[in-house]
Amino acid sequence: MKGLVFLGFGTLFGFTLSRARITDYDTITGMFRLTDLHLFGVIGGAIATAGLGIFLLRRAGELTLAGAPWEVRPKPWQIGAVWGGLVHGVGWGLTGA
């Protein structure tokens, strides 16, 4: 039953992101050209929503699907993540997709 609730919230969240034009070519290129800044707000809202959701799940004592408690640990810093992020960002900006 809980899985269906989470699926419903995830579907609603995805629908909201699509309505925010996050997949629109002009919106994406406008973000990278710094002429349309609303996408930065959408991304910030997505991060805030995820953070709030994890906070509420931890506070309620809920467990992950694997049965472990919710835990957010810092990951070790790796230079490959920086290069991967740069390649992804450049590709995203060039294709607008």
PDB file of N, CA and C in Angstrom:
ATOM      1  N   MET A   1       0.813  -1.202   0.000  1.00  0.00           N
ATOM      2  CA  MET A   1       0.000   0.000   0.000  1.00  0.00           C
ATOM      3  C   MET A   1       0.856   1.266   0.000  1.00  0.00           C
ATOM      4  N   LYS A   2       1.934   1.257   0.831  1.00  0.00           N
ATOM      5  CA  LYS A   2       2.807   2.418   0.881  1.00  0.00           C
ATOM      6  C   LYS A   2       3.451   2.679  -0.476  1.00  0.00           C
ATOM      7  N   GLY A   3       3.794   1.584  -1.174  1.00  0.00           N
ATOM      8  CA  GLY A   3       4.414   1.732  -2.487  1.00  0.00           C
ATOM      9  C   GLY A   3       3.520   2.485  -3.463  1.00  0.00           C
ATOM     10  N   LEU A   4       2.215   2.240  -3.383  1.00  0.00           N
ATOM     11  CA  LEU A   4       1.282   2.947  -4.263  1.00  0.00           C
ATOM     12  C   LEU A   4       1.195   4.429  -3.913  1.00  0.00           C
ATOM     13  N   VAL A   5       1.289   4.739  -2.640  1.00  0.00           N
ATOM     14  CA  VAL A   5       1.278   6.142  -2.221  1.00  0.00           C
ATOM     15  C   VAL A   5       2.514   6.850  -2.762  1.00  0.00           C
ATOM     16  N   PHE A   6       3.673   6.196  -2.616  1.00  0.00           N
ATOM     17  CA  PHE A   6       4.917   6.790  -3.110  1.00  0.00           C
ATOM     18  C   PHE A   6       4.896   6.906  -4.636  1.00  0.00           C
ATOM     19  N   LEU A   7       4.345   5.909  -5.301  1.00  0.00           N
ATOM     20  CA  LEU A   7       4.224   5.966  -6.760  1.00  0.00           C
ATOM     21  C   LEU A   7       3.320   7.128  -7.169  1.00  0.00           C
ATOM     22  N   GLY A   8       2.252   7.330  -6.439  1.00  0.00           N
ATOM     23  CA  GLY A   8       1.351   8.448  -6.726  1.00  0.00           C
ATOM     24  C   GLY A   8       2.034   9.798  -6.556  1.00  0.00           C
ATOM     25  N   PHE A   9       2.785   9.946  -5.453  1.00  0.00           N
ATOM     26  CA  PHE A   9       3.509  11.193  -5.237  1.00  0.00           C
ATOM     27  C   PHE A   9       4.583  11.402  -6.303  1.00  0.00           C
ATOM     28  N   GLY A  10       5.272  10.345  -6.676  1.00  0.00           N
ATOM     29  CA  GLY A  10       6.290  10.446  -7.721  1.00  0.00           C
ATOM     30  C   GLY A  10       5.692  10.827  -9.061  1.00  0.00           C
ATOM     31  N   THR A  11       4.545  10.253  -9.379  1.00  0.00           N
ATOM     32  CA  THR A  11       3.861  10.594 -10.623  1.00  0.00           C
ATOM     33  C   THR A  11       3.410  12.048 -10.617  1.00  0.00           C
ATOM     34  N   LEU A  12       2.849  12.494  -9.515  1.00  0.00           N
ATOM     35  CA  LEU A  12       2.435  13.885  -9.391  1.00  0.00           C
ATOM     36  C   LEU A  12       3.630  14.834  -9.505  1.00  0.00           C
ATOM     37  N   PHE A  13       4.737  14.463  -8.885  1.00  0.00           N
ATOM     38  CA  PHE A  13       5.950  15.276  -8.946  1.00  0.00           C
ATOM     39  C   PHE A  13       6.471  15.352 -10.384  1.00  0.00           C
ATOM     40  N   GLY A  14       6.504  14.225 -11.083  1.00  0.00           N
ATOM     41  CA  GLY A  14       6.948  14.212 -12.477  1.00  0.00           C
ATOM     42  C   GLY A  14       6.029  15.028 -13.374  1.00  0.00           C
ATOM     43  N   PHE A  15       4.739  14.931 -13.150  1.00  0.00           N
ATOM     44  CA  PHE A  15       3.785  15.718 -13.924  1.00  0.00           C
ATOM     45  C   PHE A  15       4.003  17.211 -13.698  1.00  0.00           C
ATOM     46  N   THR A  16       4.246  17.572 -12.436  1.00  0.00           N
ATOM     47  CA  THR A  16       4.495  18.982 -12.118  1.00  0.00           C
ATOM     48  C   THR A  16       5.746  19.483 -12.828  1.00  0.00           C
ATOM     49  N   LEU A  17       6.796  18.687 -12.842  1.00  0.00           N
ATOM     50  CA  LEU A  17       8.016  19.089 -13.544  1.00  0.00           C
ATOM     51  C   LEU A  17       7.777  19.238 -15.043  1.00  0.00           C
ATOM     52  N   SER A  18       6.987  18.352 -15.624  1.00  0.00           N
ATOM     53  CA  SER A  18       6.716  18.468 -17.064  1.00  0.00           C
ATOM     54  C   SER A  18       5.886  19.712 -17.364  1.00  0.00           C
ATOM     55  N   ARG A  19       4.963  20.057 -16.479  1.00  0.00           N
ATOM     56  CA  ARG A  19       4.156  21.266 -16.672  1.00  0.00           C
ATOM     57  C   ARG A  19       4.998  22.535 -16.480  1.00  0.00           C
ATOM     58  N   ALA A  20       6.113  22.408 -15.773  1.00  0.00           N
ATOM     59  CA  ALA A  20       7.008  23.549 -15.556  1.00  0.00           C
ATOM     60  C   ALA A  20       7.941  23.761 -16.758  1.00  0.00           C
ATOM     61  N   ARG A  21       7.700  23.033 -17.837  1.00  0.00           N
ATOM     62  CA  ARG A  21       8.465  23.150 -19.086  1.00  0.00           C
ATOM     63  C   ARG A  21       9.924  22.756 -18.911  1.00  0.00           C
ATOM     64  N   ILE A  22      10.209  21.813 -18.023  1.00  0.00           N
ATOM     65  CA  ILE A  22      11.588  21.424 -17.786  1.00  0.00           C
ATOM     66  C   ILE A  22      12.168  20.642 -18.969  1.00  0.00           C
ATOM     67  N   THR A  23      11.321  20.132 -19.858  1.00  0.00           N
ATOM     68  CA  THR A  23      11.801  19.396 -21.027  1.00  0.00           C
ATOM     69  C   THR A  23      11.717  20.216 -22.309  1.00  0.00           C
ATOM     70  N   ASP A  24      11.350  21.469 -22.213  1.00  0.00           N
ATOM     71  CA  ASP A  24      11.200  22.331 -23.383  1.00  0.00           C
ATOM     72  C   ASP A  24      12.569  22.838 -23.847  1.00  0.00           C
ATOM     73  N   TYR A  25      12.852  22.699 -25.134  1.00  0.00           N
ATOM     74  CA  TYR A  25      14.150  23.104 -25.690  1.00  0.00           C
ATOM     75  C   TYR A  25      14.444  24.573 -25.410  1.00  0.00           C
ATOM     76  N   ASP A  26      13.496  25.446 -25.659  1.00  0.00           N
ATOM     77  CA  ASP A  26      13.724  26.881 -25.460  1.00  0.00           C
ATOM     78  C   ASP A  26      13.981  27.222 -23.992  1.00  0.00           C
ATOM     79  N   THR A  27      13.331  26.519 -23.090  1.00  0.00           N
ATOM     80  CA  THR A  27      13.542  26.757 -21.661  1.00  0.00           C
ATOM     81  C   THR A  27      14.951  26.346 -21.254  1.00  0.00           C
ATOM     82  N   ILE A  28      15.392  25.188 -21.742  1.00  0.00           N
ATOM     83  CA  ILE A  28      16.721  24.691 -21.382  1.00  0.00           C
ATOM     84  C   ILE A  28      17.814  25.593 -21.951  1.00  0.00           C
ATOM     85  N   THR A  29      17.695  25.965 -23.212  1.00  0.00           N
ATOM     86  CA  THR A  29      18.722  26.841 -23.783  1.00  0.00           C
ATOM     87  C   THR A  29      18.680  28.221 -23.127  1.00  0.00           C
ATOM     88  N   GLY A  30      17.493  28.697 -22.768  1.00  0.00           N
ATOM     89  CA  GLY A  30      17.380  29.968 -22.062  1.00  0.00           C
ATOM     90  C   GLY A  30      18.066  29.928 -20.705  1.00  0.00           C
ATOM     91  N   MET A  31      18.001  28.782 -20.041  1.00  0.00           N
ATOM     92  CA  MET A  31      18.675  28.641 -18.757  1.00  0.00           C
ATOM     93  C   MET A  31      20.191  28.759 -18.936  1.00  0.00           C
ATOM     94  N   PHE A  32      20.727  28.056 -19.934  1.00  0.00           N
ATOM     95  CA  PHE A  32      22.172  28.087 -20.132  1.00  0.00           C
ATOM     96  C   PHE A  32      22.657  29.426 -20.686  1.00  0.00           C
ATOM     97  N   ARG A  33      21.781  30.153 -21.339  1.00  0.00           N
ATOM     98  CA  ARG A  33      22.138  31.496 -21.819  1.00  0.00           C
ATOM     99  C   ARG A  33      21.847  32.571 -20.778  1.00  0.00           C
ATOM    100  N   LEU A  34      21.292  32.152 -19.646  1.00  0.00           N
ATOM    101  CA  LEU A  34      20.917  33.037 -18.537  1.00  0.00           C
ATOM    102  C   LEU A  34      19.885  34.085 -18.951  1.00  0.00           C
ATOM    103  N   THR A  35      19.004  33.712 -19.885  1.00  0.00           N
ATOM    104  CA  THR A  35      17.922  34.609 -20.288  1.00  0.00           C
ATOM    105  C   THR A  35      16.573  34.165 -19.724  1.00  0.00           C
ATOM    106  N   ASP A  36      16.460  32.902 -19.316  1.00  0.00           N
ATOM    107  CA  ASP A  36      15.229  32.373 -18.732  1.00  0.00           C
ATOM    108  C   ASP A  36      15.621  31.637 -17.458  1.00  0.00           C
ATOM    109  N   LEU A  37      15.494  32.289 -16.324  1.00  0.00           N
ATOM    110  CA  LEU A  37      16.022  31.758 -15.076  1.00  0.00           C
ATOM    111  C   LEU A  37      15.009  30.934 -14.278  1.00  0.00           C
ATOM    112  N   HIS A  38      13.794  30.737 -14.805  1.00  0.00           N
ATOM    113  CA  HIS A  38      12.795  30.020 -14.008  1.00  0.00           C
ATOM    114  C   HIS A  38      13.168  28.557 -13.811  1.00  0.00           C
ATOM    115  N   LEU A  39      13.973  27.989 -14.717  1.00  0.00           N
ATOM    116  CA  LEU A  39      14.371  26.586 -14.581  1.00  0.00           C
ATOM    117  C   LEU A  39      15.262  26.389 -13.353  1.00  0.00           C
ATOM    118  N   PHE A  40      16.059  27.388 -13.009  1.00  0.00           N
ATOM    119  CA  PHE A  40      16.852  27.295 -11.781  1.00  0.00           C
ATOM    120  C   PHE A  40      15.921  27.183 -10.566  1.00  0.00           C
ATOM    121  N   GLY A  41      14.825  27.908 -10.581  1.00  0.00           N
ATOM    122  CA  GLY A  41      13.843  27.823  -9.505  1.00  0.00           C
ATOM    123  C   GLY A  41      13.179  26.460  -9.450  1.00  0.00           C
ATOM    124  N   VAL A  42      12.894  25.886 -10.612  1.00  0.00           N
ATOM    125  CA  VAL A  42      12.277  24.559 -10.658  1.00  0.00           C
ATOM    126  C   VAL A  42      13.239  23.518 -10.087  1.00  0.00           C
ATOM    127  N   ILE A  43      14.507  23.593 -10.467  1.00  0.00           N
ATOM    128  CA  ILE A  43      15.495  22.646  -9.952  1.00  0.00           C
ATOM    129  C   ILE A  43      15.657  22.823  -8.447  1.00  0.00           C
ATOM    130  N   GLY A  44      15.702  24.073  -7.983  1.00  0.00           N
ATOM    131  CA  GLY A  44      15.786  24.333  -6.545  1.00  0.00           C
ATOM    132  C   GLY A  44      14.573  23.800  -5.806  1.00  0.00           C
ATOM    133  N   GLY A  45      13.399  23.953  -6.403  1.00  0.00           N
ATOM    134  CA  GLY A  45      12.179  23.408  -5.800  1.00  0.00           C
ATOM    135  C   GLY A  45      12.207  21.892  -5.727  1.00  0.00           C
ATOM    136  N   ALA A  46      12.767  21.258  -6.740  1.00  0.00           N
ATOM    137  CA  ALA A  46      12.878  19.798  -6.744  1.00  0.00           C
ATOM    138  C   ALA A  46      13.815  19.331  -5.629  1.00  0.00           C
ATOM    139  N   ILE A  47      14.914  20.039  -5.448  1.00  0.00           N
ATOM    140  CA  ILE A  47      15.852  19.684  -4.384  1.00  0.00           C
ATOM    141  C   ILE A  47      15.205  19.879  -3.020  1.00  0.00           C
ATOM    142  N   ALA A  48      14.505  20.994  -2.854  1.00  0.00           N
ATOM    143  CA  ALA A  48      13.828  21.262  -1.578  1.00  0.00           C
ATOM    144  C   ALA A  48      12.747  20.220  -1.294  1.00  0.00           C
ATOM    145  N   THR A  49      11.998  19.817  -2.314  1.00  0.00           N
ATOM    146  CA  THR A  49      10.949  18.806  -2.143  1.00  0.00           C
ATOM    147  C   THR A  49      11.548  17.470  -1.717  1.00  0.00           C
ATOM    148  N   ALA A  50      12.641  17.075  -2.359  1.00  0.00           N
ATOM    149  CA  ALA A  50      13.299  15.812  -2.002  1.00  0.00           C
ATOM    150  C   ALA A  50      13.846  15.874  -0.577  1.00  0.00           C
ATOM    151  N   GLY A  51      14.462  17.001  -0.229  1.00  0.00           N
ATOM    152  CA  GLY A  51      14.999  17.144   1.125  1.00  0.00           C
ATOM    153  C   GLY A  51      13.909  17.081   2.182  1.00  0.00           C
ATOM    154  N   LEU A  52      12.804  17.772   1.928  1.00  0.00           N
ATOM    155  CA  LEU A  52      11.685  17.743   2.861  1.00  0.00           C
ATOM    156  C   LEU A  52      11.106  16.331   2.978  1.00  0.00           C
ATOM    157  N   GLY A  53      10.995  15.651   1.856  1.00  0.00           N
ATOM    158  CA  GLY A  53      10.462  14.288   1.878  1.00  0.00           C
ATOM    159  C   GLY A  53      11.320  13.342   2.697  1.00  0.00           C
ATOM    160  N   ILE A  54      12.645  13.417   2.518  1.00  0.00           N
ATOM    161  CA  ILE A  54      13.543  12.553   3.297  1.00  0.00           C
ATOM    162  C   ILE A  54      13.475  12.919   4.774  1.00  0.00           C
ATOM    163  N   PHE A  55      13.418  14.211   5.082  1.00  0.00           N
ATOM    164  CA  PHE A  55      13.299  14.641   6.474  1.00  0.00           C
ATOM    165  C   PHE A  55      12.038  14.068   7.111  1.00  0.00           C
ATOM    166  N   LEU A  56      10.909  14.166   6.419  1.00  0.00           N
ATOM    167  CA  LEU A  56       9.644  13.674   6.971  1.00  0.00           C
ATOM    168  C   LEU A  56       9.644  12.154   7.118  1.00  0.00           C
ATOM    169  N   LEU A  57      10.240  11.451   6.153  1.00  0.00           N
ATOM    170  CA  LEU A  57      10.312   9.997   6.262  1.00  0.00           C
ATOM    171  C   LEU A  57      11.174   9.573   7.447  1.00  0.00           C
ATOM    172  N   ARG A  58      12.298  10.250   7.633  1.00  0.00           N
ATOM    173  CA  ARG A  58      13.170   9.920   8.769  1.00  0.00           C
ATOM    174  C   ARG A  58      12.477  10.228  10.092  1.00  0.00           C
ATOM    175  N   ARG A  59      11.800  11.363  10.156  1.00  0.00           N
ATOM    176  CA  ARG A  59      11.119  11.769  11.390  1.00  0.00           C
ATOM    177  C   ARG A  59       9.997  10.790  11.752  1.00  0.00           C
ATOM    178  N   ALA A  60       9.306  10.261  10.731  1.00  0.00           N
ATOM    179  CA  ALA A  60       8.213   9.323  10.980  1.00  0.00           C
ATOM    180  C   ALA A  60       8.720   7.914  11.286  1.00  0.00           C
ATOM    181  N   GLY A  61      10.028   7.691  11.152  1.00  0.00           N
ATOM    182  CA  GLY A  61      10.582   6.374  11.438  1.00  0.00           C
ATOM    183  C   GLY A  61      10.362   5.367  10.322  1.00  0.00           C
ATOM    184  N   GLU A  62      10.044   5.840   9.137  1.00  0.00           N
ATOM    185  CA  GLU A  62       9.829   4.934   8.008  1.00  0.00           C
ATOM    186  C   GLU A  62      11.148   4.291   7.579  1.00  0.00           C
ATOM    187  N   LEU A  63      11.048   3.145   6.948  1.00  0.00           N
ATOM    188  CA  LEU A  63      12.222   2.423   6.463  1.00  0.00           C
ATOM    189  C   LEU A  63      12.271   2.479   4.943  1.00  0.00           C
ATOM    190  N   THR A  64      13.448   2.260   4.389  1.00  0.00           N
ATOM    191  CA  THR A  64      13.581   2.188   2.934  1.00  0.00           C
ATOM    192  C   THR A  64      12.934   0.893   2.451  1.00  0.00           C
ATOM    193  N   LEU A  65      12.837   0.726   1.144  1.00  0.00           N
ATOM    194  CA  LEU A  65      12.260  -0.507   0.600  1.00  0.00           C
ATOM    195  C   LEU A  65      13.090  -1.731   0.984  1.00  0.00           C
ATOM    196  N   ALA A  66      14.387  -1.532   1.255  1.00  0.00           N
ATOM    197  CA  ALA A  66      15.260  -2.633   1.675  1.00  0.00           C
ATOM    198  C   ALA A  66      15.134  -2.918   3.167  1.00  0.00           C
ATOM    199  N   GLY A  67      14.364  -2.104   3.894  1.00  0.00           N
ATOM    200  CA  GLY A  67      14.153  -2.316   5.319  1.00  0.00           C
ATOM    201  C   GLY A  67      15.149  -1.595   6.207  1.00  0.00           C
ATOM    202  N   ALA A  68      15.999  -0.785   5.628  1.00  0.00           N
ATOM    203  CA  ALA A  68      16.995  -0.042   6.412  1.00  0.00           C
ATOM    204  C   ALA A  68      16.455   1.340   6.755  1.00  0.00           C
ATOM    205  N   PRO A  69      16.960   1.943   7.819  1.00  0.00           N
ATOM    206  CA  PRO A  69      16.531   3.315   8.137  1.00  0.00           C
ATOM    207  C   PRO A  69      17.082   4.295   7.098  1.00  0.00           C
ATOM    208  N   TRP A  70      16.369   5.402   6.911  1.00  0.00           N
ATOM    209  CA  TRP A  70      16.811   6.435   5.968  1.00  0.00           C
ATOM    210  C   TRP A  70      18.086   7.053   6.499  1.00  0.00           C
ATOM    211  N   GLU A  71      19.104   7.071   5.661  1.00  0.00           N
ATOM    212  CA  GLU A  71      20.378   7.636   6.062  1.00  0.00           C
ATOM    213  C   GLU A  71      21.000   8.339   4.859  1.00  0.00           C
ATOM    214  N   VAL A  72      21.431   9.561   5.077  1.00  0.00           N
ATOM    215  CA  VAL A  72      22.098  10.315   4.015  1.00  0.00           C
ATOM    216  C   VAL A  72      23.524  10.559   4.475  1.00  0.00           C
ATOM    217  N   ARG A  73      24.473   9.949   3.774  1.00  0.00           N
ATOM    218  CA  ARG A  73      25.884  10.087   4.131  1.00  0.00           C
ATOM    219  C   ARG A  73      26.604  10.851   3.031  1.00  0.00           C
ATOM    220  N   PRO A  74      27.592  11.637   3.388  1.00  0.00           N
ATOM    221  CA  PRO A  74      28.377  12.307   2.347  1.00  0.00           C
ATOM    222  C   PRO A  74      29.181  11.285   1.554  1.00  0.00           C
ATOM    223  N   LYS A  75      29.256  11.509   0.271  1.00  0.00           N
ATOM    224  CA  LYS A  75      30.023  10.616  -0.587  1.00  0.00           C
ATOM    225  C   LYS A  75      31.437  11.151  -0.725  1.00  0.00           C
ATOM    226  N   PRO A  76      32.409  10.269  -0.921  1.00  0.00           N
ATOM    227  CA  PRO A  76      33.780  10.752  -1.103  1.00  0.00           C
ATOM    228  C   PRO A  76      33.899  11.551  -2.403  1.00  0.00           C
ATOM    229  N   TRP A  77      34.702  12.595  -2.367  1.00  0.00           N
ATOM    230  CA  TRP A  77      34.893  13.460  -3.528  1.00  0.00           C
ATOM    231  C   TRP A  77      35.719  12.726  -4.565  1.00  0.00           C
ATOM    232  N   GLN A  78      35.251  12.774  -5.833  1.00  0.00           N
ATOM    233  CA  GLN A  78      35.969  12.124  -6.930  1.00  0.00           C
ATOM    234  C   GLN A  78      36.031  13.069  -8.116  1.00  0.00           C
ATOM    235  N   ILE A  79      37.204  13.178  -8.724  1.00  0.00           N
ATOM    236  CA  ILE A  79      37.376  14.070  -9.863  1.00  0.00           C
ATOM    237  C   ILE A  79      36.531  13.606 -11.052  1.00  0.00           C
ATOM    238  N   GLY A  80      36.267  12.312 -11.152  1.00  0.00           N
ATOM    239  CA  GLY A  80      35.444  11.799 -12.241  1.00  0.00           C
ATOM    240  C   GLY A  80      34.030  12.361 -12.220  1.00  0.00           C
ATOM    241  N   ALA A  81      33.519  12.647 -11.031  1.00  0.00           N
ATOM    242  CA  ALA A  81      32.177  13.223 -10.925  1.00  0.00           C
ATOM    243  C   ALA A  81      32.156  14.642 -11.490  1.00  0.00           C
ATOM    244  N   VAL A  82      33.237  15.369 -11.292  1.00  0.00           N
ATOM    245  CA  VAL A  82      33.329  16.729 -11.839  1.00  0.00           C
ATOM    246  C   VAL A  82      33.349  16.676 -13.364  1.00  0.00           C
ATOM    247  N   TRP A  83      34.209  15.837 -13.915  1.00  0.00           N
ATOM    248  CA  TRP A  83      34.288  15.711 -15.380  1.00  0.00           C
ATOM    249  C   TRP A  83      32.976  15.189 -15.957  1.00  0.00           C
ATOM    250  N   GLY A  84      32.372  14.219 -15.305  1.00  0.00           N
ATOM    251  CA  GLY A  84      31.090  13.701 -15.773  1.00  0.00           C
ATOM    252  C   GLY A  84      30.008  14.768 -15.757  1.00  0.00           C
ATOM    253  N   GLY A  85      29.984  15.584 -14.707  1.00  0.00           N
ATOM    254  CA  GLY A  85      29.013  16.672 -14.624  1.00  0.00           C
ATOM    255  C   GLY A  85      29.230  17.707 -15.717  1.00  0.00           C
ATOM    256  N   LEU A  86      30.500  18.009 -15.987  1.00  0.00           N
ATOM    257  CA  LEU A  86      30.801  18.969 -17.049  1.00  0.00           C
ATOM    258  C   LEU A  86      30.380  18.443 -18.420  1.00  0.00           C
ATOM    259  N   VAL A  87      30.699  17.189 -18.702  1.00  0.00           N
ATOM    260  CA  VAL A  87      30.312  16.599 -19.990  1.00  0.00           C
ATOM    261  C   VAL A  87      28.792  16.557 -20.116  1.00  0.00           C
ATOM    262  N   HIS A  88      28.114  16.172 -19.044  1.00  0.00           N
ATOM    263  CA  HIS A  88      26.656  16.128 -19.060  1.00  0.00           C
ATOM    264  C   HIS A  88      26.073  17.521 -19.290  1.00  0.00           C
ATOM    265  N   GLY A  89      26.583  18.503 -18.578  1.00  0.00           N
ATOM    266  CA  GLY A  89      26.083  19.868 -18.713  1.00  0.00           C
ATOM    267  C   GLY A  89      26.314  20.438 -20.092  1.00  0.00           C
ATOM    268  N   VAL A  90      27.490  20.205 -20.653  1.00  0.00           N
ATOM    269  CA  VAL A  90      27.784  20.689 -22.010  1.00  0.00           C
ATOM    270  C   VAL A  90      26.876  20.000 -23.015  1.00  0.00           C
ATOM    271  N   GLY A  91      26.715  18.706 -22.892  1.00  0.00           N
ATOM    272  CA  GLY A  91      25.819  17.978 -23.803  1.00  0.00           C
ATOM    273  C   GLY A  91      24.379  18.435 -23.680  1.00  0.00           C
ATOM    274  N   TRP A  92      23.953  18.668 -22.460  1.00  0.00           N
ATOM    275  CA  TRP A  92      22.587  19.139 -22.215  1.00  0.00           C
ATOM    276  C   TRP A  92      22.398  20.527 -22.826  1.00  0.00           C
ATOM    277  N   GLY A  93      23.390  21.379 -22.651  1.00  0.00           N
ATOM    278  CA  GLY A  93      23.292  22.731 -23.206  1.00  0.00           C
ATOM    279  C   GLY A  93      23.326  22.754 -24.733  1.00  0.00           C
ATOM    280  N   LEU A  94      24.167  21.903 -25.322  1.00  0.00           N
ATOM    281  CA  LEU A  94      24.283  21.881 -26.782  1.00  0.00           C
ATOM    282  C   LEU A  94      23.050  21.291 -27.456  1.00  0.00           C
ATOM    283  N   THR A  95      22.505  20.245 -26.872  1.00  0.00           N
ATOM    284  CA  THR A  95      21.357  19.596 -27.498  1.00  0.00           C
ATOM    285  C   THR A  95      20.032  20.188 -27.037  1.00  0.00           C
ATOM    286  N   GLY A  96      20.025  20.795 -25.868  1.00  0.00           N
ATOM    287  CA  GLY A  96      18.782  21.338 -25.333  1.00  0.00           C
ATOM    288  C   GLY A  96      17.785  20.252 -24.990  1.00  0.00           C
ATOM    289  N   ALA A  97      18.297  19.078 -24.670  1.00  0.00           N
ATOM    290  CA  ALA A  97      17.410  17.943 -24.361  1.00  0.00           C
ATOM    291  C   ALA A  97      17.777  17.309 -23.051  1.00  0.00           C
TER     292      ALA A  97
END
